[in-house]
Amino acid sequence: MGPVGQDRTVPEASLEVPYDAFKFDIYQLGNVIVKQLDIYEDLSSLKPLADAMTRPDPDQRPSATEAYELLVDTILNLSEDQLNHQRIWKTRTPAELRHRVEFCNENPLEYN
């Protein structure tokens, strides 16, 4: 019982009603993935996993093992193009910087 963890949006968080801590953690990790989908491009293949992990009903969320299996299935189903993609860019990375990093071998950390 009680508000635990960094994510205060977990639906079953309660001061009076006990909840399953494992399902609570699944939701929190799923929400981390959801936030990364907004920050980085080309991670849309993780959306079904994130959606499953953040279902409002804890009984409808996957277990840790099931979430892992969903992740493995997601990776195994990536296309050849997705597997060969070497960079994951933040959505707001300017095209000029991308070009300089990819084709001129500049260090992207110099621009953060």
PDB file of N, CA and C in Angstrom:
ATOM      1  N   MET A   1       0.843  -1.188   0.000  1.00  0.00           N
ATOM      2  CA  MET A   1       0.000   0.000   0.000  1.00  0.00           C
ATOM      3  C   MET A   1       0.883   1.244   0.000  1.00  0.00           C
ATOM      4  N   GLY A   2       0.307   2.318  -0.444  1.00  0.00           N
ATOM      5  CA  GLY A   2       1.004   3.586  -0.408  1.00  0.00           C
ATOM      6  C   GLY A   2       1.675   3.930  -1.725  1.00  0.00           C
ATOM      7  N   PRO A   3       1.968   5.208  -1.909  1.00  0.00           N
ATOM      8  CA  PRO A   3       2.639   5.646  -3.134  1.00  0.00           C
ATOM      9  C   PRO A   3       4.124   5.260  -3.080  1.00  0.00           C
ATOM     10  N   VAL A   4       4.531   4.386  -3.979  1.00  0.00           N
ATOM     11  CA  VAL A   4       5.900   3.910  -4.012  1.00  0.00           C
ATOM     12  C   VAL A   4       6.429   4.126  -5.418  1.00  0.00           C
ATOM     13  N   GLY A   5       7.711   4.401  -5.538  1.00  0.00           N
ATOM     14  CA  GLY A   5       8.309   4.555  -6.856  1.00  0.00           C
ATOM     15  C   GLY A   5       8.216   5.978  -7.362  1.00  0.00           C
ATOM     16  N   GLN A   6       8.799   6.188  -8.507  1.00  0.00           N
ATOM     17  CA  GLN A   6       8.869   7.528  -9.088  1.00  0.00           C
ATOM     18  C   GLN A   6       7.634   7.904  -9.890  1.00  0.00           C
ATOM     19  N   ASP A   7       6.934   6.923 -10.414  1.00  0.00           N
ATOM     20  CA  ASP A   7       5.785   7.176 -11.273  1.00  0.00           C
ATOM     21  C   ASP A   7       4.522   7.273 -10.426  1.00  0.00           C
ATOM     22  N   ARG A   8       3.949   8.428 -10.374  1.00  0.00           N
ATOM     23  CA  ARG A   8       2.749   8.648  -9.555  1.00  0.00           C
ATOM     24  C   ARG A   8       1.457   8.426 -10.336  1.00  0.00           C
ATOM     25  N   THR A   9       1.569   7.884 -11.561  1.00  0.00           N
ATOM     26  CA  THR A   9       0.369   7.688 -12.384  1.00  0.00           C
ATOM     27  C   THR A   9      -0.141   6.252 -12.353  1.00  0.00           C
ATOM     28  N   VAL A  10       0.478   5.377 -11.590  1.00  0.00           N
ATOM     29  CA  VAL A  10       0.047   3.973 -11.547  1.00  0.00           C
ATOM     30  C   VAL A  10      -1.385   3.925 -11.028  1.00  0.00           C
ATOM     31  N   PRO A  11      -2.320   3.389 -11.829  1.00  0.00           N
ATOM     32  CA  PRO A  11      -3.741   3.452 -11.470  1.00  0.00           C
ATOM     33  C   PRO A  11      -4.104   2.819 -10.129  1.00  0.00           C
ATOM     34  N   GLU A  12      -3.444   1.720  -9.766  1.00  0.00           N
ATOM     35  CA  GLU A  12      -3.846   1.024  -8.541  1.00  0.00           C
ATOM     36  C   GLU A  12      -3.174   1.537  -7.275  1.00  0.00           C
ATOM     37  N   ALA A  13      -2.320   2.559  -7.380  1.00  0.00           N
ATOM     38  CA  ALA A  13      -1.659   3.101  -6.194  1.00  0.00           C
ATOM     39  C   ALA A  13      -2.721   3.576  -5.193  1.00  0.00           C
ATOM     40  N   SER A  14      -2.606   3.098  -3.975  1.00  0.00           N
ATOM     41  CA  SER A  14      -3.616   3.406  -2.969  1.00  0.00           C
ATOM     42  C   SER A  14      -2.987   3.395  -1.590  1.00  0.00           C
ATOM     43  N   LEU A  15      -3.515   4.231  -0.730  1.00  0.00           N
ATOM     44  CA  LEU A  15      -3.078   4.232   0.664  1.00  0.00           C
ATOM     45  C   LEU A  15      -3.861   3.225   1.498  1.00  0.00           C
ATOM     46  N   GLU A  16      -4.980   2.720   0.951  1.00  0.00           N
ATOM     47  CA  GLU A  16      -5.836   1.822   1.720  1.00  0.00           C
ATOM     48  C   GLU A  16      -5.944   0.400   1.168  1.00  0.00           C
ATOM     49  N   VAL A  17      -5.802   0.245  -0.147  1.00  0.00           N
ATOM     50  CA  VAL A  17      -6.020  -1.061  -0.770  1.00  0.00           C
ATOM     51  C   VAL A  17      -4.672  -1.644  -1.216  1.00  0.00           C
ATOM     52  N   PRO A  18      -4.350  -2.863  -0.789  1.00  0.00           N
ATOM     53  CA  PRO A  18      -3.093  -3.485  -1.229  1.00  0.00           C
ATOM     54  C   PRO A  18      -3.102  -3.732  -2.740  1.00  0.00           C
ATOM     55  N   TYR A  19      -1.930  -3.681  -3.327  1.00  0.00           N
ATOM     56  CA  TYR A  19      -1.790  -3.941  -4.763  1.00  0.00           C
ATOM     57  C   TYR A  19      -0.611  -4.864  -4.982  1.00  0.00           C
ATOM     58  N   ASP A  20      -0.553  -5.446  -6.178  1.00  0.00           N
ATOM     59  CA  ASP A  20       0.530  -6.343  -6.560  1.00  0.00           C
ATOM     60  C   ASP A  20       1.750  -5.503  -6.957  1.00  0.00           C
ATOM     61  N   ALA A  21       2.801  -5.575  -6.164  1.00  0.00           N
ATOM     62  CA  ALA A  21       3.997  -4.763  -6.415  1.00  0.00           C
ATOM     63  C   ALA A  21       4.648  -5.099  -7.754  1.00  0.00           C
ATOM     64  N   PHE A  22       4.546  -6.363  -8.177  1.00  0.00           N
ATOM     65  CA  PHE A  22       5.143  -6.747  -9.456  1.00  0.00           C
ATOM     66  C   PHE A  22       4.400  -6.093 -10.617  1.00  0.00           C
ATOM     67  N   LYS A  23       3.076  -6.089 -10.579  1.00  0.00           N
ATOM     68  CA  LYS A  23       2.279  -5.435 -11.627  1.00  0.00           C
ATOM     69  C   LYS A  23       2.484  -3.916 -11.591  1.00  0.00           C
ATOM     70  N   PHE A  24       2.684  -3.394 -10.398  1.00  0.00           N
ATOM     71  CA  PHE A  24       2.985  -1.978 -10.201  1.00  0.00           C
ATOM     72  C   PHE A  24       4.292  -1.633 -10.940  1.00  0.00           C
ATOM     73  N   ASP A  25       5.316  -2.474 -10.756  1.00  0.00           N
ATOM     74  CA  ASP A  25       6.599  -2.251 -11.416  1.00  0.00           C
ATOM     75  C   ASP A  25       6.497  -2.388 -12.930  1.00  0.00           C
ATOM     76  N   ILE A  26       5.692  -3.340 -13.399  1.00  0.00           N
ATOM     77  CA  ILE A  26       5.496  -3.515 -14.841  1.00  0.00           C
ATOM     78  C   ILE A  26       4.931  -2.227 -15.439  1.00  0.00           C
ATOM     79  N   TYR A  27       3.946  -1.644 -14.748  1.00  0.00           N
ATOM     80  CA  TYR A  27       3.353  -0.397 -15.226  1.00  0.00           C
ATOM     81  C   TYR A  27       4.415   0.702 -15.297  1.00  0.00           C
ATOM     82  N   GLN A  28       5.194   0.833 -14.229  1.00  0.00           N
ATOM     83  CA  GLN A  28       6.204   1.897 -14.196  1.00  0.00           C
ATOM     84  C   GLN A  28       7.227   1.740 -15.324  1.00  0.00           C
ATOM     85  N   LEU A  29       7.700   0.517 -15.561  1.00  0.00           N
ATOM     86  CA  LEU A  29       8.665   0.292 -16.636  1.00  0.00           C
ATOM     87  C   LEU A  29       8.013   0.541 -18.000  1.00  0.00           C
ATOM     88  N   GLY A  30       6.777   0.114 -18.154  1.00  0.00           N
ATOM     89  CA  GLY A  30       6.057   0.385 -19.395  1.00  0.00           C
ATOM     90  C   GLY A  30       5.923   1.874 -19.653  1.00  0.00           C
ATOM     91  N   ASN A  31       5.701   2.636 -18.603  1.00  0.00           N
ATOM     92  CA  ASN A  31       5.574   4.087 -18.740  1.00  0.00           C
ATOM     93  C   ASN A  31       6.909   4.732 -19.120  1.00  0.00           C
ATOM     94  N   VAL A  32       8.014   4.158 -18.674  1.00  0.00           N
ATOM     95  CA  VAL A  32       9.339   4.635 -19.100  1.00  0.00           C
ATOM     96  C   VAL A  32       9.470   4.453 -20.611  1.00  0.00           C
ATOM     97  N   ILE A  33       9.033   3.304 -21.109  1.00  0.00           N
ATOM     98  CA  ILE A  33       9.090   3.046 -22.549  1.00  0.00           C
ATOM     99  C   ILE A  33       8.204   4.035 -23.302  1.00  0.00           C
ATOM    100  N   VAL A  34       6.997   4.282 -22.784  1.00  0.00           N
ATOM    101  CA  VAL A  34       6.083   5.250 -23.408  1.00  0.00           C
ATOM    102  C   VAL A  34       6.759   6.610 -23.546  1.00  0.00           C
ATOM    103  N   LYS A  35       7.432   7.049 -22.512  1.00  0.00           N
ATOM    104  CA  LYS A  35       8.098   8.360 -22.551  1.00  0.00           C
ATOM    105  C   LYS A  35       9.233   8.379 -23.566  1.00  0.00           C
ATOM    106  N   GLN A  36       9.954   7.259 -23.717  1.00  0.00           N
ATOM    107  CA  GLN A  36      11.040   7.200 -24.691  1.00  0.00           C
ATOM    108  C   GLN A  36      10.507   7.253 -26.121  1.00  0.00           C
ATOM    109  N   LEU A  37       9.299   6.736 -26.332  1.00  0.00           N
ATOM    110  CA  LEU A  37       8.691   6.790 -27.661  1.00  0.00           C
ATOM    111  C   LEU A  37       8.483   8.225 -28.117  1.00  0.00           C
ATOM    112  N   ASP A  38       8.255   9.127 -27.166  1.00  0.00           N
ATOM    113  CA  ASP A  38       8.066  10.541 -27.493  1.00  0.00           C
ATOM    114  C   ASP A  38       9.388  11.264 -27.719  1.00  0.00           C
ATOM    115  N   ILE A  39      10.447  10.757 -27.123  1.00  0.00           N
ATOM    116  CA  ILE A  39      11.745  11.435 -27.185  1.00  0.00           C
ATOM    117  C   ILE A  39      12.566  10.992 -28.390  1.00  0.00           C
ATOM    118  N   TYR A  40      12.483   9.710 -28.747  1.00  0.00           N
ATOM    119  CA  TYR A  40      13.314   9.148 -29.807  1.00  0.00           C
ATOM    120  C   TYR A  40      12.487   8.667 -30.984  1.00  0.00           C
ATOM    121  N   GLU A  41      13.058   8.763 -32.165  1.00  0.00           N
ATOM    122  CA  GLU A  41      12.418   8.283 -33.387  1.00  0.00           C
ATOM    123  C   GLU A  41      12.682   6.789 -33.556  1.00  0.00           C
ATOM    124  N   ASP A  42      11.883   6.177 -34.386  1.00  0.00           N
ATOM    125  CA  ASP A  42      12.098   4.789 -34.813  1.00  0.00           C
ATOM    126  C   ASP A  42      11.992   3.764 -33.692  1.00  0.00           C
ATOM    127  N   LEU A  43      11.249   4.074 -32.649  1.00  0.00           N
ATOM    128  CA  LEU A  43      11.018   3.097 -31.582  1.00  0.00           C
ATOM    129  C   LEU A  43       9.573   2.623 -31.565  1.00  0.00           C
ATOM    130  N   SER A  44       8.838   2.912 -32.623  1.00  0.00           N
ATOM    131  CA  SER A  44       7.408   2.589 -32.655  1.00  0.00           C
ATOM    132  C   SER A  44       7.140   1.091 -32.519  1.00  0.00           C
ATOM    133  N   SER A  45       8.116   0.267 -32.841  1.00  0.00           N
ATOM    134  CA  SER A  45       7.921  -1.176 -32.684  1.00  0.00           C
ATOM    135  C   SER A  45       7.759  -1.572 -31.214  1.00  0.00           C
ATOM    136  N   LEU A  46       8.154  -0.691 -30.294  1.00  0.00           N
ATOM    137  CA  LEU A  46       7.996  -0.971 -28.862  1.00  0.00           C
ATOM    138  C   LEU A  46       6.639  -0.536 -28.314  1.00  0.00           C
ATOM    139  N   LYS A  47       5.841   0.146 -29.134  1.00  0.00           N
ATOM    140  CA  LYS A  47       4.548   0.651 -28.654  1.00  0.00           C
ATOM    141  C   LYS A  47       3.606  -0.458 -28.168  1.00  0.00           C
ATOM    142  N   PRO A  48       3.453  -1.573 -28.897  1.00  0.00           N
ATOM    143  CA  PRO A  48       2.566  -2.628 -28.373  1.00  0.00           C
ATOM    144  C   PRO A  48       3.015  -3.155 -27.004  1.00  0.00           C
ATOM    145  N   LEU A  49       4.303  -3.277 -26.800  1.00  0.00           N
ATOM    146  CA  LEU A  49       4.824  -3.705 -25.496  1.00  0.00           C
ATOM    147  C   LEU A  49       4.483  -2.678 -24.431  1.00  0.00           C
ATOM    148  N   ALA A  50       4.735  -1.402 -24.726  1.00  0.00           N
ATOM    149  CA  ALA A  50       4.439  -0.334 -23.764  1.00  0.00           C
ATOM    150  C   ALA A  50       2.946  -0.280 -23.452  1.00  0.00           C
ATOM    151  N   ASP A  51       2.115  -0.437 -24.478  1.00  0.00           N
ATOM    152  CA  ASP A  51       0.663  -0.419 -24.263  1.00  0.00           C
ATOM    153  C   ASP A  51       0.227  -1.561 -23.350  1.00  0.00           C
ATOM    154  N   ALA A  52       0.782  -2.747 -23.573  1.00  0.00           N
ATOM    155  CA  ALA A  52       0.429  -3.899 -22.738  1.00  0.00           C
ATOM    156  C   ALA A  52       0.869  -3.684 -21.294  1.00  0.00           C
ATOM    157  N   MET A  53       2.039  -3.107 -21.122  1.00  0.00           N
ATOM    158  CA  MET A  53       2.582  -2.921 -19.772  1.00  0.00           C
ATOM    159  C   MET A  53       1.872  -1.818 -18.998  1.00  0.00           C
ATOM    160  N   THR A  54       1.208  -0.910 -19.688  1.00  0.00           N
ATOM    161  CA  THR A  54       0.551   0.213 -19.010  1.00  0.00           C
ATOM    162  C   THR A  54      -0.972   0.110 -19.041  1.00  0.00           C
ATOM    163  N   ARG A  55      -1.479  -1.084 -19.202  1.00  0.00           N
ATOM    164  CA  ARG A  55      -2.936  -1.259 -19.152  1.00  0.00           C
ATOM    165  C   ARG A  55      -3.438  -0.826 -17.779  1.00  0.00           C
ATOM    166  N   PRO A  56      -4.581  -0.142 -17.733  1.00  0.00           N
ATOM    167  CA  PRO A  56      -5.111   0.335 -16.448  1.00  0.00           C
ATOM    168  C   PRO A  56      -5.411  -0.790 -15.452  1.00  0.00           C
ATOM    169  N   ASP A  57      -5.868  -1.923 -15.960  1.00  0.00           N
ATOM    170  CA  ASP A  57      -6.186  -3.055 -15.086  1.00  0.00           C
ATOM    171  C   ASP A  57      -4.922  -3.892 -14.882  1.00  0.00           C
ATOM    172  N   PRO A  58      -4.395  -3.963 -13.657  1.00  0.00           N
ATOM    173  CA  PRO A  58      -3.160  -4.712 -13.418  1.00  0.00           C
ATOM    174  C   PRO A  58      -3.252  -6.180 -13.828  1.00  0.00           C
ATOM    175  N   ASP A  59      -4.440  -6.767 -13.746  1.00  0.00           N
ATOM    176  CA  ASP A  59      -4.596  -8.169 -14.125  1.00  0.00           C
ATOM    177  C   ASP A  59      -4.458  -8.376 -15.630  1.00  0.00           C
ATOM    178  N   GLN A  60      -4.580  -7.301 -16.399  1.00  0.00           N
ATOM    179  CA  GLN A  60      -4.442  -7.388 -17.850  1.00  0.00           C
ATOM    180  C   GLN A  60      -3.008  -7.127 -18.316  1.00  0.00           C
ATOM    181  N   ARG A  61      -2.125  -6.746 -17.396  1.00  0.00           N
ATOM    182  CA  ARG A  61      -0.726  -6.491 -17.746  1.00  0.00           C
ATOM    183  C   ARG A  61       0.046  -7.804 -17.807  1.00  0.00           C
ATOM    184  N   PRO A  62       1.083  -7.845 -18.628  1.00  0.00           N
ATOM    185  CA  PRO A  62       1.912  -9.052 -18.667  1.00  0.00           C
ATOM    186  C   PRO A  62       2.751  -9.182 -17.398  1.00  0.00           C
ATOM    187  N   SER A  63       3.141 -10.401 -17.099  1.00  0.00           N
ATOM    188  CA  SER A  63       4.111 -10.618 -16.025  1.00  0.00           C
ATOM    189  C   SER A  63       5.479 -10.166 -16.549  1.00  0.00           C
ATOM    190  N   ALA A  64       6.475 -10.161 -15.698  1.00  0.00           N
ATOM    191  CA  ALA A  64       7.821  -9.799 -16.143  1.00  0.00           C
ATOM    192  C   ALA A  64       8.301 -10.751 -17.234  1.00  0.00           C
ATOM    193  N   THR A  65       8.042 -12.036 -17.057  1.00  0.00           N
ATOM    194  CA  THR A  65       8.448 -13.027 -18.063  1.00  0.00           C
ATOM    195  C   THR A  65       7.710 -12.793 -19.379  1.00  0.00           C
ATOM    196  N   GLU A  66       6.420 -12.533 -19.301  1.00  0.00           N
ATOM    197  CA  GLU A  66       5.643 -12.281 -20.517  1.00  0.00           C
ATOM    198  C   GLU A  66       6.105 -10.996 -21.208  1.00  0.00           C
ATOM    199  N   ALA A  67       6.424  -9.968 -20.439  1.00  0.00           N
ATOM    200  CA  ALA A  67       6.911  -8.714 -21.017  1.00  0.00           C
ATOM    201  C   ALA A  67       8.246  -8.954 -21.716  1.00  0.00           C
ATOM    202  N   TYR A  68       9.095  -9.751 -21.102  1.00  0.00           N
ATOM    203  CA  TYR A  68      10.377 -10.094 -21.726  1.00  0.00           C
ATOM    204  C   TYR A  68      10.145 -10.833 -23.036  1.00  0.00           C
ATOM    205  N   GLU A  69       9.233 -11.783 -23.027  1.00  0.00           N
ATOM    206  CA  GLU A  69       8.931 -12.546 -24.246  1.00  0.00           C
ATOM    207  C   GLU A  69       8.364 -11.644 -25.340  1.00  0.00           C
ATOM    208  N   LEU A  70       7.536 -10.666 -24.956  1.00  0.00           N
ATOM    209  CA  LEU A  70       7.025  -9.694 -25.933  1.00  0.00           C
ATOM    210  C   LEU A  70       8.169  -8.875 -26.523  1.00  0.00           C
ATOM    211  N   LEU A  71       9.117  -8.492 -25.685  1.00  0.00           N
ATOM    212  CA  LEU A  71      10.268  -7.734 -26.164  1.00  0.00           C
ATOM    213  C   LEU A  71      11.102  -8.564 -27.132  1.00  0.00           C
ATOM    214  N   VAL A  72      11.364  -9.803 -26.784  1.00  0.00           N
ATOM    215  CA  VAL A  72      12.137 -10.686 -27.663  1.00  0.00           C
ATOM    216  C   VAL A  72      11.397 -10.866 -28.991  1.00  0.00           C
ATOM    217  N   ASP A  73      10.094 -11.103 -28.944  1.00  0.00           N
ATOM    218  CA  ASP A  73       9.311 -11.248 -30.179  1.00  0.00           C
ATOM    219  C   ASP A  73       9.391  -9.981 -31.027  1.00  0.00           C
ATOM    220  N   THR A  74       9.340  -8.821 -30.374  1.00  0.00           N
ATOM    221  CA  THR A  74       9.443  -7.546 -31.088  1.00  0.00           C
ATOM    222  C   THR A  74      10.775  -7.455 -31.809  1.00  0.00           C
ATOM    223  N   ILE A  75      11.847  -7.806 -31.126  1.00  0.00           N
ATOM    224  CA  ILE A  75      13.182  -7.736 -31.729  1.00  0.00           C
ATOM    225  C   ILE A  75      13.301  -8.725 -32.888  1.00  0.00           C
ATOM    226  N   LEU A  76      12.796  -9.931 -32.679  1.00  0.00           N
ATOM    227  CA  LEU A  76      12.885 -10.957 -33.728  1.00  0.00           C
ATOM    228  C   LEU A  76      12.071 -10.595 -34.961  1.00  0.00           C
ATOM    229  N   ASN A  77      11.057  -9.756 -34.800  1.00  0.00           N
ATOM    230  CA  ASN A  77      10.196  -9.374 -35.921  1.00  0.00           C
ATOM    231  C   ASN A  77      10.599  -8.062 -36.590  1.00  0.00           C
ATOM    232  N   LEU A  78      11.727  -7.502 -36.174  1.00  0.00           N
ATOM    233  CA  LEU A  78      12.195  -6.277 -36.825  1.00  0.00           C
ATOM    234  C   LEU A  78      12.622  -6.595 -38.251  1.00  0.00           C
ATOM    235  N   SER A  79      12.385  -5.658 -39.135  1.00  0.00           N
ATOM    236  CA  SER A  79      12.773  -5.849 -40.531  1.00  0.00           C
ATOM    237  C   SER A  79      14.291  -5.731 -40.669  1.00  0.00           C
ATOM    238  N   GLU A  80      14.782  -6.182 -41.798  1.00  0.00           N
ATOM    239  CA  GLU A  80      16.220  -6.079 -42.092  1.00  0.00           C
ATOM    240  C   GLU A  80      16.675  -4.624 -42.026  1.00  0.00           C
ATOM    241  N   ASP A  81      15.854  -3.725 -42.548  1.00  0.00           N
ATOM    242  CA  ASP A  81      16.184  -2.297 -42.536  1.00  0.00           C
ATOM    243  C   ASP A  81      16.282  -1.777 -41.098  1.00  0.00           C
ATOM    244  N   GLN A  82      15.333  -2.174 -40.257  1.00  0.00           N
ATOM    245  CA  GLN A  82      15.350  -1.731 -38.868  1.00  0.00           C
ATOM    246  C   GLN A  82      16.568  -2.282 -38.136  1.00  0.00           C
ATOM    247  N   LEU A  83      16.939  -3.510 -38.411  1.00  0.00           N
ATOM    248  CA  LEU A  83      18.097  -4.117 -37.757  1.00  0.00           C
ATOM    249  C   LEU A  83      19.403  -3.459 -38.183  1.00  0.00           C
ATOM    250  N   ASN A  84      19.457  -2.970 -39.411  1.00  0.00           N
ATOM    251  CA  ASN A  84      20.678  -2.341 -39.917  1.00  0.00           C
ATOM    252  C   ASN A  84      20.771  -0.864 -39.568  1.00  0.00           C
ATOM    253  N   HIS A  85      19.696  -0.312 -39.034  1.00  0.00           N
ATOM    254  CA  HIS A  85      19.681   1.100 -38.647  1.00  0.00           C
ATOM    255  C   HIS A  85      20.613   1.281 -37.459  1.00  0.00           C
ATOM    256  N   GLN A  86      21.612   2.123 -37.589  1.00  0.00           N
ATOM    257  CA  GLN A  86      22.631   2.205 -36.556  1.00  0.00           C
ATOM    258  C   GLN A  86      22.384   3.292 -35.515  1.00  0.00           C
ATOM    259  N   ARG A  87      21.563   4.243 -35.813  1.00  0.00           N
ATOM    260  CA  ARG A  87      21.359   5.343 -34.871  1.00  0.00           C
ATOM    261  C   ARG A  87      19.893   5.508 -34.527  1.00  0.00           C
ATOM    262  N   ILE A  88      19.668   5.886 -33.299  1.00  0.00           N
ATOM    263  CA  ILE A  88      18.336   6.278 -32.861  1.00  0.00           C
ATOM    264  C   ILE A  88      18.455   7.740 -32.469  1.00  0.00           C
ATOM    265  N   TRP A  89      17.743   8.577 -33.190  1.00  0.00           N
ATOM    266  CA  TRP A  89      17.853  10.018 -32.994  1.00  0.00           C
ATOM    267  C   TRP A  89      16.748  10.533 -32.084  1.00  0.00           C
ATOM    268  N   LYS A  90      17.083  11.570 -31.325  1.00  0.00           N
ATOM    269  CA  LYS A  90      16.039  12.304 -30.627  1.00  0.00           C
ATOM    270  C   LYS A  90      15.190  12.980 -31.691  1.00  0.00           C
ATOM    271  N   THR A  91      13.898  13.093 -31.429  1.00  0.00           N
ATOM    272  CA  THR A  91      12.991  13.619 -32.451  1.00  0.00           C
ATOM    273  C   THR A  91      13.333  15.048 -32.867  1.00  0.00           C
ATOM    274  N   ARG A  92      13.971  15.789 -32.015  1.00  0.00           N
ATOM    275  CA  ARG A  92      14.263  17.194 -32.324  1.00  0.00           C
ATOM    276  C   ARG A  92      15.690  17.419 -32.812  1.00  0.00           C
ATOM    277  N   THR A  93      16.399  16.357 -33.176  1.00  0.00           N
ATOM    278  CA  THR A  93      17.764  16.509 -33.672  1.00  0.00           C
ATOM    279  C   THR A  93      17.715  17.111 -35.071  1.00  0.00           C
ATOM    280  N   PRO A  94      18.354  18.264 -35.260  1.00  0.00           N
ATOM    281  CA  PRO A  94      18.312  18.921 -36.574  1.00  0.00           C
ATOM    282  C   PRO A  94      18.988  18.074 -37.658  1.00  0.00           C
ATOM    283  N   ALA A  95      18.487  18.190 -38.876  1.00  0.00           N
ATOM    284  CA  ALA A  95      19.028  17.440 -40.009  1.00  0.00           C
ATOM    285  C   ALA A  95      20.512  17.741 -40.219  1.00  0.00           C
ATOM    286  N   GLU A  96      20.905  18.984 -40.012  1.00  0.00           N
ATOM    287  CA  GLU A  96      22.313  19.358 -40.211  1.00  0.00           C
ATOM    288  C   GLU A  96      23.214  18.583 -39.249  1.00  0.00           C
ATOM    289  N   LEU A  97      22.806  18.467 -38.000  1.00  0.00           N
ATOM    290  CA  LEU A  97      23.598  17.722 -37.024  1.00  0.00           C
ATOM    291  C   LEU A  97      23.651  16.239 -37.388  1.00  0.00           C
ATOM    292  N   ARG A  98      22.522  15.687 -37.807  1.00  0.00           N
ATOM    293  CA  ARG A  98      22.501  14.277 -38.210  1.00  0.00           C
ATOM    294  C   ARG A  98      23.499  14.028 -39.341  1.00  0.00           C
ATOM    295  N   HIS A  99      23.496  14.927 -40.310  1.00  0.00           N
ATOM    296  CA  HIS A  99      24.411  14.798 -41.439  1.00  0.00           C
ATOM    297  C   HIS A  99      25.864  14.856 -40.963  1.00  0.00           C
ATOM    298  N   ARG A 100      26.154  15.817 -40.098  1.00  0.00           N
ATOM    299  CA  ARG A 100      27.534  15.981 -39.627  1.00  0.00           C
ATOM    300  C   ARG A 100      28.002  14.785 -38.816  1.00  0.00           C
ATOM    301  N   VAL A 101      27.111  14.191 -38.054  1.00  0.00           N
ATOM    302  CA  VAL A 101      27.476  13.021 -37.259  1.00  0.00           C
ATOM    303  C   VAL A 101      27.642  11.796 -38.154  1.00  0.00           C
ATOM    304  N   GLU A 102      26.690  11.570 -39.055  1.00  0.00           N
ATOM    305  CA  GLU A 102      26.715  10.362 -39.883  1.00  0.00           C
ATOM    306  C   GLU A 102      27.784  10.398 -40.970  1.00  0.00           C
ATOM    307  N   PHE A 103      27.976  11.540 -41.595  1.00  0.00           N
ATOM    308  CA  PHE A 103      28.849  11.575 -42.757  1.00  0.00           C
ATOM    309  C   PHE A 103      30.185  12.269 -42.517  1.00  0.00           C
ATOM    310  N   CYS A 104      30.283  13.033 -41.459  1.00  0.00           N
ATOM    311  CA  CYS A 104      31.550  13.732 -41.178  1.00  0.00           C
ATOM    312  C   CYS A 104      32.213  13.192 -39.910  1.00  0.00           C
ATOM    313  N   ASN A 105      31.580  12.185 -39.297  1.00  0.00           N
ATOM    314  CA  ASN A 105      32.100  11.541 -38.082  1.00  0.00           C
ATOM    315  C   ASN A 105      32.360  12.521 -36.943  1.00  0.00           C
ATOM    316  N   GLU A 106      31.514  13.525 -36.835  1.00  0.00           N
ATOM    317  CA  GLU A 106      31.643  14.442 -35.710  1.00  0.00           C
ATOM    318  C   GLU A 106      31.031  13.823 -34.472  1.00  0.00           C
ATOM    319  N   ASN A 107      31.469  14.259 -33.322  1.00  0.00           N
ATOM    320  CA  ASN A 107      30.997  13.737 -32.049  1.00  0.00           C
ATOM    321  C   ASN A 107      29.700  14.443 -31.677  1.00  0.00           C
ATOM    322  N   PRO A 108      28.584  13.692 -31.563  1.00  0.00           N
ATOM    323  CA  PRO A 108      27.299  14.343 -31.225  1.00  0.00           C
ATOM    324  C   PRO A 108      27.281  14.926 -29.823  1.00  0.00           C
ATOM    325  N   LEU A 109      28.155  14.454 -28.937  1.00  0.00           N
ATOM    326  CA  LEU A 109      28.167  14.981 -27.560  1.00  0.00           C
ATOM    327  C   LEU A 109      28.612  16.431 -27.517  1.00  0.00           C
ATOM    328  N   GLU A 110      29.322  16.877 -28.527  1.00  0.00           N
ATOM    329  CA  GLU A 110      29.753  18.271 -28.584  1.00  0.00           C
ATOM    330  C   GLU A 110      28.571  19.214 -28.748  1.00  0.00           C
ATOM    331  N   TYR A 111      27.405  18.678 -29.177  1.00  0.00           N
ATOM    332  CA  TYR A 111      26.280  19.525 -29.501  1.00  0.00           C
ATOM    333  C   TYR A 111      25.162  19.439 -28.479  1.00  0.00           C
ATOM    334  N   ASN A 112      25.310  18.642 -27.443  1.00  0.00           N
ATOM    335  CA  ASN A 112      24.237  18.513 -26.440  1.00  0.00           C
ATOM    336  C   ASN A 112      24.315  19.604 -25.414  1.00  0.00           C
TER     337      ASN A 112
END
